[in-house]
Amino acid sequence: MDRITIPRRQFLAATAAAASTSLVGLPAWAKAAYPSKPVRFIVPFNPGGATDIVARVLAEAVSKKLGQPVIVENKAGASAMLGTDMVAKSAPDGYNVVVSLSTSLLINQFLYTKMAYNPQKDLLMLSLLASAPVTLVVHPSVPANNMKELLAWVKAHKGKVSYGSWGVGSYAHLGGAYMSKSMDADMTHVAYKGEAPMIQELIGGQLQLCFSSAQNTKPFIDSGRLKAIGVTGKSRMSVLPQLPTIYEQGVTDDAYAIAGFVGMALPAGTPKDVVDVLSAAIQDAAQDPKVKERIDGAGFLPVFSSPEGFAKTYAQAAPVWKSLIEVADARVD
């Protein structure tokens, strides 16, 4: 058999041409191995908050695994929907990841009559990072020391109890509204721009109770300026290990057993190989003691998951949140 010899230069040129031809029609971002440049974690809240803290410690750990910088950018506004929408509308290339709470990833779709994005169609849920239970606290003058005593007290004081929230549609609003309706207590809802002013009003006696993050309530619980009644969700907080959940106290309503979450999402349509790379990096970061410590310190419970696990949790939680919003009659135009 005769051997056909092709000059090396001609061979290399032909190989390059073939490779180029095979990439014709593909988006520019699909032509390079992932990741080939820095990745952005978009946090739709202001710097310094609990979600921002989690995103930054996670970014450091994930960067080591990916071999690329992971940059955290804060894009706050519109109840966390501004930054979330920015990611939803970005190229599905794995370079823009939103790190947010259940508000912009799940709850707002039932609360707002109009949204710029549909989280179930425009986003791919990448990983849960943490469960975000909140504390239920009361002014020390309230003569209740557990959930059943508190429910009996608000029922006996119909129309005389006020509860606070950090905004319409927040868990503090929905949880309080559910308590009011289930006890026929006719409680008054007072919305604030953030948790800090709400807590100060509670300490001052202008409110009788509220749900709030442990990050904001723990110092005042420890000092005795607030009385802790319980924790939402089904697991105790490591920062308040002696405080039982409401569920443990025998009040097992879904409204109190559920907790918000911190999670990560990508634009829908992100290729599976990119999703797999990011998911593996996140699972690796989950083993980092520093990551777990910072999540615990923020009052959250570390709960890392696969995309499939996140999708399952999402599907279970969605109808509960939808029902809570309907009970609270909370809709925003």
Protein backbone atom coordinates (compact mmCIF):
# COMPACT_ATOMS: atom_id res chain seq x y z
CA MET A 1 0.00 0.00 0.00
CA ASP A 2 1.36 3.42 -0.93
CA ARG A 3 1.84 5.85 1.95
CA ILE A 4 0.40 9.32 1.42
CA THR A 5 2.55 12.03 2.94
CA ILE A 6 1.05 15.39 3.90
CA PRO A 7 3.41 18.25 4.73
CA ARG A 8 3.20 19.23 8.42
CA ARG A 9 2.27 22.85 7.67
CA GLN A 10 -0.57 21.75 5.40
CA PHE A 11 -1.81 19.27 8.04
CA LEU A 12 -1.92 21.93 10.78
CA ALA A 13 -3.71 24.37 8.51
CA ALA A 14 -6.32 21.78 7.61
CA THR A 15 -6.83 20.84 11.27
CA ALA A 16 -7.33 24.47 12.27
CA ALA A 17 -9.81 25.00 9.45
CA ALA A 18 -11.80 21.94 10.50
CA ALA A 19 -11.92 23.09 14.09
CA SER A 20 -13.06 26.52 13.00
CA THR A 21 -15.75 25.05 10.79
CA SER A 22 -17.06 22.88 13.63
CA LEU A 23 -17.64 25.99 15.74
CA VAL A 24 -19.54 27.95 13.09
CA GLY A 25 -22.96 28.93 14.36
CA LEU A 26 -22.07 28.56 18.04
CA PRO A 27 -22.27 31.60 20.38
CA ALA A 28 -18.91 33.16 21.20
CA TRP A 29 -19.16 32.02 24.82
CA ALA A 30 -19.51 28.36 23.74
CA LYS A 31 -16.17 28.27 21.94
CA ALA A 32 -13.90 28.22 24.99
CA ALA A 33 -13.51 25.77 27.85
CA TYR A 34 -15.32 26.86 31.01
CA PRO A 35 -14.27 28.85 32.90
CA SER A 36 -11.86 30.91 30.83
CA LYS A 37 -12.45 34.24 32.59
CA PRO A 38 -13.70 35.59 35.95
CA VAL A 39 -17.15 34.55 37.18
CA ARG A 40 -19.55 37.07 38.72
CA PHE A 41 -21.77 36.38 41.72
CA ILE A 42 -24.56 38.97 41.60
CA VAL A 43 -26.08 39.74 45.02
CA PRO A 44 -29.34 41.71 44.65
CA PHE A 45 -28.92 43.34 48.08
CA ASN A 46 -26.70 46.04 49.55
CA PRO A 47 -23.20 45.11 50.80
CA GLY A 48 -22.81 43.92 54.38
CA GLY A 49 -26.03 41.96 54.74
CA ALA A 50 -26.25 38.28 55.58
CA THR A 51 -26.70 37.18 51.94
CA ASP A 52 -23.73 39.31 50.87
CA ILE A 53 -21.57 37.74 53.60
CA VAL A 54 -22.47 34.23 52.41
CA ALA A 55 -21.78 35.14 48.77
CA ARG A 56 -18.33 36.53 49.54
CA VAL A 57 -17.06 33.62 51.61
CA LEU A 58 -18.45 31.20 49.01
CA ALA A 59 -16.85 33.17 46.15
CA GLU A 60 -13.44 32.78 47.76
CA ALA A 61 -13.84 29.02 48.11
CA VAL A 62 -15.32 28.49 44.64
CA SER A 63 -12.56 30.57 43.04
CA LYS A 64 -9.94 28.13 44.31
CA LYS A 65 -11.80 25.22 42.73
CA LEU A 66 -12.45 26.94 39.38
CA GLY A 67 -8.99 28.46 39.03
CA GLN A 68 -10.56 31.80 38.11
CA PRO A 69 -11.47 34.89 40.15
CA VAL A 70 -15.06 35.01 41.41
CA ILE A 71 -16.18 38.62 41.76
CA VAL A 72 -19.12 39.60 43.97
CA GLU A 73 -21.20 42.51 42.69
CA ASN A 74 -24.12 44.09 44.56
CA LYS A 75 -27.10 45.10 42.41
CA ALA A 76 -29.79 46.05 44.92
CA GLY A 77 -33.24 47.38 44.13
CA ALA A 78 -36.85 46.47 43.42
CA SER A 79 -37.13 43.93 46.24
CA ALA A 80 -34.04 42.07 44.99
CA MET A 81 -35.55 41.74 41.52
CA LEU A 82 -33.17 44.15 39.80
CA GLY A 83 -30.05 42.02 40.20
CA THR A 84 -31.96 38.78 39.72
CA ASP A 85 -33.43 40.03 36.45
CA MET A 86 -29.98 41.07 35.26
CA VAL A 87 -28.78 37.48 35.62
CA ALA A 88 -31.97 36.02 34.12
CA LYS A 89 -31.38 38.10 30.98
CA SER A 90 -27.63 37.50 30.71
CA ALA A 91 -25.96 35.00 28.36
CA PRO A 92 -26.37 31.40 29.59
CA ASP A 93 -22.63 30.87 29.82
CA GLY A 94 -22.05 30.36 33.54
CA TYR A 95 -20.29 33.69 34.06
CA ASN A 96 -23.23 35.40 35.82
CA VAL A 97 -24.73 33.70 38.87
CA VAL A 98 -27.29 35.24 41.20
CA VAL A 99 -26.95 34.60 44.93
CA SER A 100 -30.23 35.61 46.52
CA LEU A 101 -32.98 34.82 48.96
CA SER A 102 -36.22 32.99 48.29
CA THR A 103 -37.89 36.40 47.85
CA SER A 104 -36.54 37.11 44.35
CA LEU A 105 -36.09 33.45 43.37
CA LEU A 106 -39.52 32.17 44.42
CA ILE A 107 -41.87 34.33 46.52
CA ASN A 108 -42.12 37.52 44.44
CA GLN A 109 -43.73 35.72 41.50
CA PHE A 110 -46.85 35.23 43.66
CA LEU A 111 -46.67 38.68 45.24
CA TYR A 112 -46.17 40.99 42.26
CA THR A 113 -48.75 41.35 39.52
CA LYS A 114 -45.97 42.23 37.06
CA MET A 115 -42.37 41.03 37.00
CA ALA A 116 -39.62 41.50 34.42
CA TYR A 117 -38.68 37.82 34.63
CA ASN A 118 -40.31 34.49 35.43
CA PRO A 119 -38.07 32.60 37.88
CA GLN A 120 -39.44 29.22 36.84
CA LYS A 121 -38.84 29.85 33.12
CA ASP A 122 -35.91 32.27 32.99
CA LEU A 123 -33.71 30.82 35.73
CA LEU A 124 -32.03 27.47 36.37
CA MET A 125 -31.83 26.76 40.11
CA LEU A 126 -28.22 25.78 40.73
CA SER A 127 -27.88 25.11 44.45
CA LEU A 128 -29.41 25.78 47.80
CA LEU A 129 -26.81 27.32 50.09
CA ALA A 130 -28.70 27.68 53.32
CA SER A 131 -32.03 27.50 55.01
CA ALA A 132 -33.03 30.92 56.33
CA PRO A 133 -35.28 30.53 59.37
CA VAL A 134 -36.19 33.57 61.42
CA THR A 135 -36.88 34.16 65.08
CA LEU A 136 -40.23 35.16 66.52
CA VAL A 137 -39.69 37.76 69.23
CA VAL A 138 -41.96 39.81 71.46
CA HIS A 139 -41.66 42.83 73.70
CA PRO A 140 -40.81 41.71 77.28
CA SER A 141 -44.18 43.02 78.46
CA VAL A 142 -46.02 40.33 76.49
CA PRO A 143 -46.97 37.60 79.03
CA ALA A 144 -46.11 34.64 76.82
CA ASN A 145 -43.06 32.36 76.91
CA ASN A 146 -43.86 29.91 74.13
CA MET A 147 -45.84 29.74 70.89
CA LYS A 148 -49.06 28.30 72.32
CA GLU A 149 -49.16 30.95 75.04
CA LEU A 150 -48.53 33.68 72.46
CA LEU A 151 -51.31 32.46 70.17
CA ALA A 152 -53.74 32.39 73.10
CA TRP A 153 -52.68 35.91 74.11
CA VAL A 154 -53.14 37.48 70.65
CA LYS A 155 -56.53 35.79 70.33
CA ALA A 156 -57.59 37.20 73.70
CA HIS A 157 -56.47 40.70 72.69
CA LYS A 158 -58.27 40.98 69.37
CA GLY A 159 -57.62 44.27 67.61
CA LYS A 160 -55.03 45.37 70.16
CA VAL A 161 -51.82 43.74 68.89
CA SER A 162 -49.41 45.19 66.32
CA TYR A 163 -46.73 43.26 64.47
CA GLY A 164 -43.91 44.55 62.30
CA SER A 165 -42.29 43.51 59.05
CA TRP A 166 -39.43 44.67 56.83
CA GLY A 167 -41.82 45.09 53.91
CA VAL A 168 -45.01 43.89 52.25
CA GLY A 169 -44.61 40.27 51.16
CA SER A 170 -41.69 39.54 53.49
CA TYR A 171 -41.97 36.48 55.71
CA ALA A 172 -42.43 38.82 58.68
CA HIS A 173 -45.54 40.18 56.97
CA LEU A 174 -46.88 36.84 55.75
CA GLY A 175 -46.21 34.99 58.99
CA GLY A 176 -47.83 37.72 61.06
CA ALA A 177 -50.84 37.89 58.75
CA TYR A 178 -51.29 34.13 58.99
CA MET A 179 -51.15 34.32 62.80
CA SER A 180 -53.73 37.09 62.81
CA LYS A 181 -56.18 35.30 60.51
CA SER A 182 -55.78 31.84 62.03
CA MET A 183 -56.41 33.27 65.52
CA ASP A 184 -59.06 35.78 64.36
CA ALA A 185 -56.91 38.35 66.18
CA ASP A 186 -57.32 41.33 63.83
CA MET A 187 -53.67 42.29 64.37
CA THR A 188 -52.27 45.50 62.84
CA HIS A 189 -49.42 45.17 60.34
CA VAL A 190 -46.75 47.91 60.36
CA ALA A 191 -44.23 47.76 57.48
CA TYR A 192 -40.75 49.27 57.82
CA LYS A 193 -37.88 49.89 55.43
CA GLY A 194 -35.62 47.22 56.84
CA GLU A 195 -35.30 45.16 59.99
CA ALA A 196 -33.30 47.66 62.08
CA PRO A 197 -36.07 50.26 62.51
CA MET A 198 -38.62 47.50 63.09
CA ILE A 199 -36.55 46.04 65.94
CA GLN A 200 -36.07 49.48 67.53
CA GLU A 201 -39.84 50.06 67.48
CA LEU A 202 -40.40 46.65 69.05
CA ILE A 203 -37.89 47.39 71.79
CA GLY A 204 -39.60 50.74 72.34
CA GLY A 205 -42.98 49.07 72.77
CA GLN A 206 -44.65 50.48 69.64
CA LEU A 207 -45.02 46.88 68.45
CA GLN A 208 -45.79 43.73 70.41
CA LEU A 209 -44.16 41.10 68.17
CA CYS A 210 -42.34 40.42 64.92
CA PHE A 211 -40.45 37.79 62.98
CA SER A 212 -36.85 38.78 62.30
CA SER A 213 -33.45 37.32 61.49
CA ALA A 214 -31.27 36.07 64.32
CA GLN A 215 -28.53 38.40 63.11
CA ASN A 216 -30.75 41.31 64.21
CA THR A 217 -32.49 39.84 67.25
CA LYS A 218 -29.80 37.80 69.03
CA PRO A 219 -28.03 40.75 70.73
CA PHE A 220 -31.35 41.95 72.18
CA ILE A 221 -32.46 38.45 73.16
CA ASP A 222 -29.16 37.99 74.99
CA SER A 223 -29.53 41.33 76.78
CA GLY A 224 -33.16 40.68 77.74
CA ARG A 225 -34.54 43.61 75.75
CA LEU A 226 -36.54 41.16 73.63
CA LYS A 227 -38.14 37.84 74.52
CA ALA A 228 -37.68 34.97 72.07
CA ILE A 229 -40.70 32.73 71.43
CA GLY A 230 -39.37 30.34 68.77
CA VAL A 231 -37.78 29.75 65.39
CA THR A 232 -39.44 29.02 62.05
CA GLY A 233 -38.56 25.90 60.07
CA LYS A 234 -37.86 22.50 61.56
CA SER A 235 -34.25 22.83 62.74
CA ARG A 236 -32.81 24.90 65.54
CA MET A 237 -30.28 27.63 64.83
CA SER A 238 -26.70 27.02 65.88
CA VAL A 239 -26.46 30.64 67.05
CA LEU A 240 -29.49 30.13 69.33
CA PRO A 241 -29.29 26.42 70.19
CA GLN A 242 -31.54 26.66 73.26
CA LEU A 243 -34.41 28.27 71.36
CA PRO A 244 -36.87 25.61 70.13
CA THR A 245 -38.57 25.77 66.78
CA ILE A 246 -42.26 26.60 66.67
CA TYR A 247 -42.75 23.16 65.11
CA GLU A 248 -41.09 21.51 68.15
CA GLN A 249 -43.57 23.31 70.37
CA GLY A 250 -46.43 21.44 68.77
CA VAL A 251 -47.61 24.19 66.40
CA THR A 252 -47.06 22.39 63.12
CA ASP A 253 -48.79 24.71 60.62
CA ASP A 254 -46.95 24.90 57.30
CA ALA A 255 -46.80 28.68 57.68
CA TYR A 256 -44.39 28.31 60.61
CA ALA A 257 -42.68 25.07 59.57
CA ILE A 258 -41.40 26.57 56.33
CA ALA A 259 -38.29 28.72 56.13
CA GLY A 260 -36.86 30.91 53.43
CA PHE A 261 -33.61 30.01 51.73
CA VAL A 262 -30.42 31.40 50.28
CA GLY A 263 -29.79 29.95 46.83
CA MET A 264 -27.92 30.33 43.57
CA ALA A 265 -29.37 30.43 40.08
CA LEU A 266 -28.14 30.67 36.50
CA PRO A 267 -29.86 31.85 33.32
CA ALA A 268 -32.10 29.14 31.87
CA GLY A 269 -30.41 27.30 29.03
CA THR A 270 -26.96 27.16 30.62
CA PRO A 271 -25.23 24.05 29.17
CA LYS A 272 -25.15 21.00 31.43
CA ASP A 273 -21.35 20.73 31.35
CA VAL A 274 -21.09 24.30 32.69
CA VAL A 275 -23.73 23.58 35.34
CA ASP A 276 -21.82 20.46 36.37
CA VAL A 277 -18.54 22.38 36.76
CA LEU A 278 -20.15 25.04 38.94
CA SER A 279 -22.13 22.51 40.95
CA ALA A 280 -18.98 20.50 41.69
CA ALA A 281 -17.15 23.65 42.81
CA ILE A 282 -20.01 24.57 45.14
CA GLN A 283 -20.16 21.08 46.63
CA ASP A 284 -16.42 21.28 47.23
CA ALA A 285 -16.81 24.67 48.93
CA ALA A 286 -19.52 23.18 51.14
CA GLN A 287 -16.82 21.14 52.88
CA ASP A 288 -14.81 24.24 53.79
CA PRO A 289 -15.15 24.87 57.58
CA LYS A 290 -14.82 28.62 57.00
CA VAL A 291 -17.83 28.61 54.67
CA LYS A 292 -19.96 26.69 57.17
CA GLU A 293 -18.85 28.96 60.02
CA ARG A 294 -19.82 32.15 58.18
CA ILE A 295 -23.21 30.74 57.16
CA ASP A 296 -23.91 29.70 60.75
CA GLY A 297 -22.78 33.11 62.00
CA ALA A 298 -25.24 34.85 59.70
CA GLY A 299 -28.08 32.96 61.40
CA PHE A 300 -28.56 30.53 58.52
CA LEU A 301 -28.33 26.74 58.38
CA PRO A 302 -25.93 25.35 55.72
CA VAL A 303 -27.96 23.27 53.24
CA PHE A 304 -26.04 22.71 50.02
CA SER A 305 -27.72 20.78 47.24
CA SER A 306 -27.49 19.59 43.67
CA PRO A 307 -29.58 21.35 40.99
CA GLU A 308 -31.98 18.41 41.13
CA GLY A 309 -32.26 18.66 44.90
CA PHE A 310 -32.89 22.39 44.69
CA ALA A 311 -35.61 21.87 42.08
CA LYS A 312 -37.36 19.37 44.36
CA THR A 313 -37.24 21.71 47.37
CA TYR A 314 -38.47 24.58 45.20
CA ALA A 315 -41.46 22.58 43.96
CA GLN A 316 -42.43 21.65 47.52
CA ALA A 317 -42.09 25.20 48.88
CA ALA A 318 -43.83 27.12 46.09
CA PRO A 319 -47.46 26.19 46.96
CA VAL A 320 -46.88 26.97 50.65
CA TRP A 321 -45.61 30.48 49.89
CA LYS A 322 -48.40 31.03 47.38
CA SER A 323 -50.97 30.07 50.01
CA LEU A 324 -49.39 32.39 52.59
CA ILE A 325 -49.61 35.33 50.20
CA GLU A 326 -53.23 34.52 49.48
CA VAL A 327 -54.01 34.35 53.22
CA ALA A 328 -52.28 37.70 53.77
CA ASP A 329 -54.09 39.14 50.73
CA ALA A 330 -50.75 40.67 49.77
CA ARG A 331 -50.40 41.77 46.16
CA VAL A 332 -48.14 44.48 44.77
CA ASP A 333 -48.71 46.19 41.42
